[in-house]
Protein backbone atom coordinates (compact mmCIF):
# COMPACT_ATOMS: atom_id res chain seq x y z
CA UNK A 1 0.00 0.00 0.00
CA UNK A 2 1.19 3.52 -0.81
CA UNK A 3 0.17 6.39 1.45
CA UNK A 4 0.98 9.98 0.53
CA UNK A 5 0.38 12.29 3.47
CA UNK A 6 0.46 16.08 3.29
CA UNK A 7 3.10 16.40 0.55
CA UNK A 8 3.98 20.01 -0.19
CA UNK A 9 6.65 21.26 -2.58
CA UNK A 10 7.96 24.76 -3.05
CA UNK A 11 10.71 26.07 -5.28
CA UNK A 12 12.29 29.47 -4.76
CA UNK A 13 9.32 30.72 -2.70
CA UNK A 14 6.76 29.46 -5.28
CA UNK A 15 4.33 26.89 -3.86
CA UNK A 16 3.90 24.13 -6.47
CA UNK A 17 2.16 21.40 -4.43
CA UNK A 18 0.13 22.00 -1.29
CA UNK A 19 -1.04 19.29 1.12
CA UNK A 20 -1.44 16.40 -1.35
CA UNK A 21 -2.87 13.25 0.26
CA UNK A 22 -3.98 9.91 -1.19
CA UNK A 23 -3.84 6.18 -0.55
CA UNK A 24 -3.32 3.46 -3.16
CA UNK A 25 -3.85 -0.19 -2.37
CA UNK A 26 -2.33 -3.12 -4.22
CA UNK A 27 -3.93 -3.44 -7.64
CA UNK A 28 -5.22 0.14 -7.72
CA UNK A 29 -4.77 2.32 -10.78
CA UNK A 30 -4.26 6.04 -10.27
CA UNK A 31 -4.69 8.75 -12.87
CA UNK A 32 -3.23 12.20 -12.33
CA UNK A 33 -5.25 14.72 -14.29
CA UNK A 34 -4.92 18.48 -14.44
CA UNK A 35 -4.18 21.46 -16.58
CA UNK A 36 -0.75 22.48 -17.80
CA UNK A 37 1.49 23.67 -14.95
CA UNK A 38 -0.63 22.35 -12.06
CA UNK A 39 2.11 20.10 -10.58
CA UNK A 40 1.44 16.63 -12.02
CA UNK A 41 5.05 16.02 -13.05
CA UNK A 42 6.34 17.63 -9.86
CA UNK A 43 4.31 15.16 -7.79
CA UNK A 44 5.72 12.19 -9.72
CA UNK A 45 9.27 13.55 -9.46
CA UNK A 46 8.78 14.04 -5.73
CA UNK A 47 7.55 10.46 -5.27
CA UNK A 48 10.57 9.21 -7.25
CA UNK A 49 12.87 11.46 -5.16
CA UNK A 50 14.16 13.22 -8.27
CA UNK A 51 13.73 16.61 -6.58
CA UNK A 52 15.75 15.80 -3.45
CA UNK A 53 18.94 17.40 -4.71
CA UNK A 54 17.37 20.36 -6.54
CA UNK A 55 18.82 23.51 -5.04
CA UNK A 56 16.20 25.91 -3.67
CA UNK A 57 13.38 23.39 -3.26
CA UNK A 58 11.61 22.43 -0.04
CA UNK A 59 9.61 19.21 0.31
CA UNK A 60 7.47 18.39 3.33
CA UNK A 61 5.13 15.52 4.12
CA UNK A 62 5.46 11.78 4.25
CA UNK A 63 5.32 8.89 1.78
CA UNK A 64 4.74 5.42 3.23
CA UNK A 65 5.24 2.22 1.26
CA UNK A 66 3.83 -0.76 3.15
CA UNK A 67 4.02 1.34 6.32
CA UNK A 68 7.70 2.27 5.89
CA UNK A 69 8.57 5.95 5.41
CA UNK A 70 10.46 6.25 2.16
C-alpha atoms as a PDB file:
ATOM      1  CA  UNK A   1       0.000   0.000   0.000  1.00  0.00           C
ATOM      2  CA  UNK A   2       1.187   3.516  -0.810  1.00  0.00           C
ATOM      3  CA  UNK A   3       0.170   6.393   1.447  1.00  0.00           C
ATOM      4  CA  UNK A   4       0.975   9.979   0.530  1.00  0.00           C
ATOM      5  CA  UNK A   5       0.378  12.292   3.474  1.00  0.00           C
ATOM      6  CA  UNK A   6       0.458  16.082   3.294  1.00  0.00           C
ATOM      7  CA  UNK A   7       3.096  16.402   0.552  1.00  0.00           C
ATOM      8  CA  UNK A   8       3.983  20.010  -0.193  1.00  0.00           C
ATOM      9  CA  UNK A   9       6.647  21.261  -2.584  1.00  0.00           C
ATOM     10  CA  UNK A  10       7.958  24.761  -3.046  1.00  0.00           C
ATOM     11  CA  UNK A  11      10.705  26.072  -5.280  1.00  0.00           C
ATOM     12  CA  UNK A  12      12.285  29.470  -4.759  1.00  0.00           C
ATOM     13  CA  UNK A  13       9.317  30.716  -2.702  1.00  0.00           C
ATOM     14  CA  UNK A  14       6.763  29.458  -5.281  1.00  0.00           C
ATOM     15  CA  UNK A  15       4.326  26.890  -3.858  1.00  0.00           C
ATOM     16  CA  UNK A  16       3.897  24.133  -6.471  1.00  0.00           C
ATOM     17  CA  UNK A  17       2.164  21.400  -4.429  1.00  0.00           C
ATOM     18  CA  UNK A  18       0.135  22.002  -1.291  1.00  0.00           C
ATOM     19  CA  UNK A  19      -1.036  19.294   1.124  1.00  0.00           C
ATOM     20  CA  UNK A  20      -1.436  16.402  -1.353  1.00  0.00           C
ATOM     21  CA  UNK A  21      -2.865  13.251   0.263  1.00  0.00           C
ATOM     22  CA  UNK A  22      -3.982   9.910  -1.186  1.00  0.00           C
ATOM     23  CA  UNK A  23      -3.836   6.178  -0.549  1.00  0.00           C
ATOM     24  CA  UNK A  24      -3.322   3.455  -3.161  1.00  0.00           C
ATOM     25  CA  UNK A  25      -3.855  -0.194  -2.367  1.00  0.00           C
ATOM     26  CA  UNK A  26      -2.328  -3.123  -4.221  1.00  0.00           C
ATOM     27  CA  UNK A  27      -3.931  -3.441  -7.645  1.00  0.00           C
ATOM     28  CA  UNK A  28      -5.221   0.143  -7.716  1.00  0.00           C
ATOM     29  CA  UNK A  29      -4.767   2.323 -10.776  1.00  0.00           C
ATOM     30  CA  UNK A  30      -4.257   6.035 -10.265  1.00  0.00           C
ATOM     31  CA  UNK A  31      -4.686   8.750 -12.866  1.00  0.00           C
ATOM     32  CA  UNK A  32      -3.230  12.198 -12.331  1.00  0.00           C
ATOM     33  CA  UNK A  33      -5.253  14.720 -14.293  1.00  0.00           C
ATOM     34  CA  UNK A  34      -4.916  18.478 -14.439  1.00  0.00           C
ATOM     35  CA  UNK A  35      -4.177  21.464 -16.582  1.00  0.00           C
ATOM     36  CA  UNK A  36      -0.754  22.478 -17.796  1.00  0.00           C
ATOM     37  CA  UNK A  37       1.487  23.671 -14.948  1.00  0.00           C
ATOM     38  CA  UNK A  38      -0.626  22.350 -12.062  1.00  0.00           C
ATOM     39  CA  UNK A  39       2.110  20.097 -10.584  1.00  0.00           C
ATOM     40  CA  UNK A  40       1.437  16.635 -12.019  1.00  0.00           C
ATOM     41  CA  UNK A  41       5.050  16.021 -13.050  1.00  0.00           C
ATOM     42  CA  UNK A  42       6.340  17.635  -9.858  1.00  0.00           C
ATOM     43  CA  UNK A  43       4.310  15.157  -7.791  1.00  0.00           C
ATOM     44  CA  UNK A  44       5.719  12.195  -9.720  1.00  0.00           C
ATOM     45  CA  UNK A  45       9.270  13.554  -9.465  1.00  0.00           C
ATOM     46  CA  UNK A  46       8.777  14.044  -5.734  1.00  0.00           C
ATOM     47  CA  UNK A  47       7.547  10.461  -5.272  1.00  0.00           C
ATOM     48  CA  UNK A  48      10.575   9.211  -7.247  1.00  0.00           C
ATOM     49  CA  UNK A  49      12.873  11.455  -5.160  1.00  0.00           C
ATOM     50  CA  UNK A  50      14.155  13.216  -8.271  1.00  0.00           C
ATOM     51  CA  UNK A  51      13.725  16.615  -6.579  1.00  0.00           C
ATOM     52  CA  UNK A  52      15.746  15.802  -3.447  1.00  0.00           C
ATOM     53  CA  UNK A  53      18.938  17.405  -4.712  1.00  0.00           C
ATOM     54  CA  UNK A  54      17.373  20.362  -6.538  1.00  0.00           C
ATOM     55  CA  UNK A  55      18.815  23.510  -5.040  1.00  0.00           C
ATOM     56  CA  UNK A  56      16.204  25.907  -3.674  1.00  0.00           C
ATOM     57  CA  UNK A  57      13.383  23.393  -3.256  1.00  0.00           C
ATOM     58  CA  UNK A  58      11.606  22.427  -0.044  1.00  0.00           C
ATOM     59  CA  UNK A  59       9.609  19.211   0.311  1.00  0.00           C
ATOM     60  CA  UNK A  60       7.473  18.395   3.331  1.00  0.00           C
ATOM     61  CA  UNK A  61       5.133  15.520   4.118  1.00  0.00           C
ATOM     62  CA  UNK A  62       5.455  11.781   4.251  1.00  0.00           C
ATOM     63  CA  UNK A  63       5.325   8.895   1.779  1.00  0.00           C
ATOM     64  CA  UNK A  64       4.743   5.422   3.228  1.00  0.00           C
ATOM     65  CA  UNK A  65       5.241   2.216   1.262  1.00  0.00           C
ATOM     66  CA  UNK A  66       3.833  -0.762   3.152  1.00  0.00           C
ATOM     67  CA  UNK A  67       4.016   1.336   6.321  1.00  0.00           C
ATOM     68  CA  UNK A  68       7.701   2.274   5.888  1.00  0.00           C
ATOM     69  CA  UNK A  69       8.569   5.953   5.410  1.00  0.00           C
ATOM     70  CA  UNK A  70      10.463   6.253   2.158  1.00  0.00           C
END
